[in-house]
Amino acid sequence: MGSPLCILIVDDSAFFLKLEEQFLRNTPATVLTADNAEVAYRLAKEKRPSLVYMDIDMPEVDGFESCRQFKRDAELRDIPLILIGDRENPEHESAAKAVNCDAYLMKPLDRRYFLELGHQFLISIDRRESRRDCEITVYFTCRGRRNQGYCMDLSSGGMFLKCQPSALKGENLLLKFNLPDADNTAVEVTGRIAWVNNHEQSIKTAYPFGYGVEFVNISDDVGVALRRCFGT
């Protein structure tokens, strides 16, 4: 039997393999990667992972057929398998249920949902992020208007943005700022408002008015810069 702390991620995109590895970097588990269904099946037979994240849109053998193969195998059928589809293909979700996957996610991937869903099947998945106290000027665009605020609490997955809040939870912001690293690296990233501190409600009373923001659609270059900033 393989290690009880072993996670397999399957995607033919090197970008998404790196992104999902980044999501799991705080989890005390061996992370295995496969870029096609054949390699995924072989690794699963050898290592017996405790959890599998698998993309649907893969060449030759897609995620649906690979999931069927896993669920037909008496040695693998009990491994939780999360299929990952695309928002542009709404039929993916019903098709994923039809092949008896254990859960379904949609791209573009959201770090919080990715980890929280995996945490339901593997309690050791660590959803925390290394954070850095700082005060960085942030220029952000919301509802077509350019604004200025301050990042007070930065992680590789998001920030707390001190500002006068006018947007709502779930809205997206285009953020531009410089990282607190040796090169003062300029980054541009999309963020989703996860929570709001305002007059009506303070989710975190120790914080001023502003937004708790999660980064989404992180580019390869920004992901590398964030990992370097946090030494991961």
Protein backbone atom coordinates (compact mmCIF):
# COMPACT_ATOMS: atom_id res chain seq x y z
CA MET A 1 0.00 0.00 0.00
CA GLY A 2 1.12 3.56 -0.70
CA SER A 3 1.38 6.38 1.78
CA PRO A 4 -1.91 7.49 3.36
CA LEU A 5 -0.84 11.04 2.51
CA CYS A 6 -0.66 10.85 -1.27
CA ILE A 7 -2.62 12.97 -3.75
CA LEU A 8 -2.73 12.45 -7.51
CA ILE A 9 -3.51 15.34 -9.86
CA VAL A 10 -4.18 14.62 -13.53
CA ASP A 11 -4.22 17.21 -16.32
CA ASP A 12 -2.65 17.46 -19.75
CA SER A 13 -1.91 21.15 -19.08
CA ALA A 14 1.44 21.82 -17.40
CA PHE A 15 0.03 25.16 -16.19
CA PHE A 16 -2.82 23.54 -14.26
CA LEU A 17 -0.56 20.83 -12.84
CA LYS A 18 1.72 23.56 -11.45
CA LEU A 19 -1.22 25.59 -10.17
CA GLU A 20 -2.76 22.63 -8.33
CA GLU A 21 0.62 21.66 -6.90
CA GLN A 22 0.88 25.24 -5.63
CA PHE A 23 -2.57 24.95 -4.00
CA LEU A 24 -1.41 21.81 -2.17
CA ARG A 25 2.04 23.01 -1.14
CA ASN A 26 1.09 23.42 2.56
CA THR A 27 -0.44 19.95 2.73
CA PRO A 28 1.82 17.27 4.29
CA ALA A 29 1.33 14.84 1.43
CA THR A 30 3.22 13.47 -1.54
CA VAL A 31 1.73 15.05 -4.67
CA LEU A 32 1.90 12.90 -7.80
CA THR A 33 1.19 14.30 -11.26
CA ALA A 34 0.09 12.69 -14.51
CA ASP A 35 -0.52 14.34 -17.87
CA ASN A 36 -2.75 11.61 -19.29
CA ALA A 37 -5.17 8.90 -18.20
CA GLU A 38 -2.83 5.99 -18.85
CA VAL A 39 -0.11 7.37 -16.57
CA ALA A 40 -2.74 8.27 -13.96
CA TYR A 41 -4.09 4.73 -13.85
CA ARG A 42 -0.62 3.21 -13.57
CA LEU A 43 0.37 5.58 -10.76
CA ALA A 44 -2.87 4.91 -8.92
CA LYS A 45 -2.28 1.15 -9.08
CA GLU A 46 1.29 1.56 -7.81
CA LYS A 47 0.83 4.26 -5.16
CA ARG A 48 -2.83 3.99 -4.13
CA PRO A 49 -3.40 7.73 -3.57
CA SER A 50 -5.88 8.91 -0.98
CA LEU A 51 -7.41 11.46 -3.37
CA VAL A 52 -7.44 12.17 -7.11
CA TYR A 53 -8.11 15.47 -8.88
CA MET A 54 -8.69 14.77 -12.59
CA ASP A 55 -9.31 17.06 -15.54
CA ILE A 56 -12.05 16.06 -17.98
CA ASP A 57 -10.67 17.49 -21.23
CA MET A 58 -7.68 15.28 -21.97
CA PRO A 59 -6.68 13.83 -25.36
CA GLU A 60 -7.14 10.17 -26.26
CA VAL A 61 -8.79 9.05 -22.98
CA ASP A 62 -10.79 11.84 -21.33
CA GLY A 63 -11.59 12.23 -17.64
CA PHE A 64 -15.01 10.60 -17.96
CA GLU A 65 -13.61 7.37 -19.34
CA SER A 66 -10.70 7.40 -16.91
CA CYS A 67 -13.12 7.83 -14.01
CA ARG A 68 -15.11 4.83 -15.27
CA GLN A 69 -11.88 2.83 -15.35
CA PHE A 70 -11.09 3.77 -11.74
CA LYS A 71 -14.60 2.95 -10.53
CA ARG A 72 -14.60 -0.45 -12.31
CA ASP A 73 -11.36 -1.46 -10.57
CA ALA A 74 -11.95 -3.11 -7.20
CA GLU A 75 -8.61 -1.78 -5.90
CA LEU A 76 -9.27 1.83 -6.91
CA ARG A 77 -13.02 2.36 -6.79
CA ASP A 78 -13.03 3.64 -3.20
CA ILE A 79 -10.44 6.36 -3.85
CA PRO A 80 -12.29 9.73 -3.89
CA LEU A 81 -12.05 11.13 -7.42
CA ILE A 82 -12.85 14.78 -8.17
CA LEU A 83 -13.48 15.58 -11.83
CA ILE A 84 -12.64 19.08 -13.07
CA GLY A 85 -14.66 20.51 -15.92
CA ASP A 86 -15.01 23.83 -17.69
CA ARG A 87 -17.51 26.61 -17.06
CA GLU A 88 -18.00 26.88 -20.83
CA ASN A 89 -19.29 23.28 -20.91
CA PRO A 90 -22.23 23.19 -18.45
CA GLU A 91 -23.06 19.63 -19.50
CA HIS A 92 -19.85 18.46 -17.84
CA GLU A 93 -21.38 18.43 -14.36
CA SER A 94 -24.26 16.05 -15.17
CA ALA A 95 -21.93 13.85 -17.22
CA ALA A 96 -19.48 13.73 -14.30
CA LYS A 97 -22.23 12.53 -11.97
CA ALA A 98 -23.18 9.87 -14.51
CA VAL A 99 -19.72 8.28 -14.29
CA ASN A 100 -19.91 8.21 -10.46
CA CYS A 101 -17.18 10.66 -9.65
CA ASP A 102 -17.16 11.72 -6.00
CA ALA A 103 -17.25 15.46 -6.60
CA TYR A 104 -17.05 18.04 -9.37
CA LEU A 105 -15.11 21.32 -9.78
CA MET A 106 -15.11 23.91 -12.56
CA LYS A 107 -12.29 25.85 -14.15
CA PRO A 108 -11.13 28.54 -13.68
CA LEU A 109 -10.02 26.98 -10.40
CA ASP A 110 -10.61 28.74 -7.13
CA ARG A 111 -7.98 27.87 -4.52
CA ARG A 112 -10.41 27.96 -1.59
CA TYR A 113 -13.02 25.73 -3.23
CA PHE A 114 -10.32 23.38 -4.53
CA LEU A 115 -8.91 22.83 -1.04
CA GLU A 116 -12.22 22.83 0.84
CA LEU A 117 -13.64 20.18 -1.48
CA GLY A 118 -10.52 18.04 -1.13
CA HIS A 119 -10.61 18.55 2.65
CA GLN A 120 -13.98 16.78 2.73
CA PHE A 121 -12.25 13.59 1.57
CA LEU A 122 -8.77 14.03 3.05
CA ILE A 123 -8.69 15.81 6.39
CA SER A 124 -4.93 16.41 6.17
CA ILE A 125 -5.36 18.92 3.31
CA ASP A 126 -4.10 22.21 4.73
CA ARG A 127 -6.19 25.21 3.70
CA ARG A 128 -3.97 27.80 5.38
CA GLU A 129 -1.63 30.16 3.56
CA SER A 130 1.66 31.66 4.67
CA ARG A 131 0.93 35.35 5.17
CA ARG A 132 2.96 38.54 5.40
CA ASP A 133 2.00 41.72 7.25
CA CYS A 134 2.73 44.69 5.02
CA GLU A 135 1.33 47.94 3.69
CA ILE A 136 1.51 48.02 -0.09
CA THR A 137 -0.26 50.49 -2.34
CA VAL A 138 -2.74 48.67 -4.58
CA TYR A 139 -4.46 50.13 -7.62
CA PHE A 140 -7.64 48.22 -8.38
CA THR A 141 -10.40 48.44 -10.93
CA CYS A 142 -13.94 47.64 -9.85
CA ARG A 143 -17.09 48.16 -11.90
CA GLY A 144 -15.04 50.00 -14.49
CA ARG A 145 -13.63 52.54 -12.00
CA ARG A 146 -9.98 52.79 -10.93
CA ASN A 147 -9.42 53.02 -7.19
CA GLN A 148 -6.55 52.99 -4.71
CA GLY A 149 -6.22 50.98 -1.51
CA TYR A 150 -3.62 49.27 0.63
CA CYS A 151 -2.71 45.61 1.04
CA MET A 152 -2.27 44.91 4.75
CA ASP A 153 -2.06 41.13 4.78
CA LEU A 154 -0.62 39.32 1.75
CA SER A 155 -0.46 35.61 0.94
CA SER A 156 0.23 33.75 -2.27
CA GLY A 157 -3.53 33.10 -2.49
CA GLY A 158 -4.92 36.54 -1.71
CA MET A 159 -4.82 39.69 0.41
CA PHE A 160 -6.76 41.96 2.69
CA LEU A 161 -7.36 45.18 0.75
CA LYS A 162 -7.89 48.24 2.95
CA CYS A 163 -10.26 50.62 1.13
CA GLN A 164 -13.69 52.19 1.26
CA PRO A 165 -15.80 49.21 0.17
CA SER A 166 -18.56 49.69 -2.39
CA ALA A 167 -18.60 46.30 -4.13
CA LEU A 168 -20.16 43.06 -2.94
CA LYS A 169 -18.92 39.60 -2.06
CA GLY A 170 -18.29 37.60 -5.25
CA GLU A 171 -17.39 40.57 -7.46
CA ASN A 172 -14.04 40.61 -9.25
CA LEU A 173 -11.30 43.22 -8.98
CA LEU A 174 -8.32 43.81 -11.26
CA LEU A 175 -5.38 44.39 -8.89
CA LYS A 176 -2.02 46.02 -9.66
CA PHE A 177 0.71 46.23 -7.02
CA ASN A 178 4.38 45.54 -6.31
CA LEU A 179 5.44 42.55 -4.24
CA PRO A 180 7.49 43.09 -1.08
CA ASP A 181 10.45 41.21 -2.53
CA ALA A 182 14.00 42.18 -3.39
CA ASP A 183 13.01 43.17 -6.94
CA ASN A 184 9.82 45.03 -6.00
CA THR A 185 8.14 42.86 -8.67
CA ALA A 186 5.11 44.45 -10.34
CA VAL A 187 2.16 42.09 -10.67
CA GLU A 188 -1.32 42.26 -12.12
CA VAL A 189 -3.89 39.70 -11.02
CA THR A 190 -7.64 39.22 -10.83
CA GLY A 191 -9.11 38.91 -7.35
CA ARG A 192 -12.54 37.79 -6.17
CA ILE A 193 -14.03 39.45 -3.09
CA ALA A 194 -14.46 36.68 -0.51
CA TRP A 195 -15.74 38.88 2.33
CA VAL A 196 -16.36 42.53 3.12
CA ASN A 197 -15.72 44.67 6.20
CA ASN A 198 -18.06 47.69 6.10
CA HIS A 199 -20.50 49.72 8.20
CA GLU A 200 -23.12 46.96 8.09
CA GLN A 201 -20.89 44.01 8.86
CA SER A 202 -17.34 43.37 10.07
CA ILE A 203 -16.27 39.80 9.35
CA LYS A 204 -12.90 40.45 11.02
CA THR A 205 -13.27 43.10 13.70
CA ALA A 206 -9.50 43.61 14.05
CA TYR A 207 -9.33 44.77 10.42
CA PRO A 208 -10.39 48.16 9.01
CA PHE A 209 -12.94 48.60 6.23
CA GLY A 210 -12.08 46.75 3.05
CA TYR A 211 -12.15 43.42 1.25
CA GLY A 212 -10.81 39.96 1.86
CA VAL A 213 -9.66 39.06 -1.67
CA GLU A 214 -8.79 35.68 -3.21
CA PHE A 215 -6.60 35.61 -6.31
CA VAL A 216 -8.12 33.85 -9.32
CA ASN A 217 -6.83 33.07 -12.81
CA ILE A 218 -3.22 33.47 -11.68
CA SER A 219 -0.85 33.58 -14.63
CA ASP A 220 2.27 31.42 -14.69
CA ASP A 221 4.56 34.44 -14.23
CA VAL A 222 2.57 35.82 -11.29
CA GLY A 223 2.42 32.38 -9.68
CA VAL A 224 6.20 32.07 -9.89
CA ALA A 225 6.68 35.56 -8.43
CA LEU A 226 4.30 34.87 -5.53
CA ARG A 227 5.96 31.55 -4.74
CA ARG A 228 9.39 33.21 -4.78
CA CYS A 229 8.14 35.99 -2.51
CA PHE A 230 7.00 33.43 0.06
CA GLY A 231 9.97 31.12 -0.38
CA THR A 232 7.93 28.17 -1.70
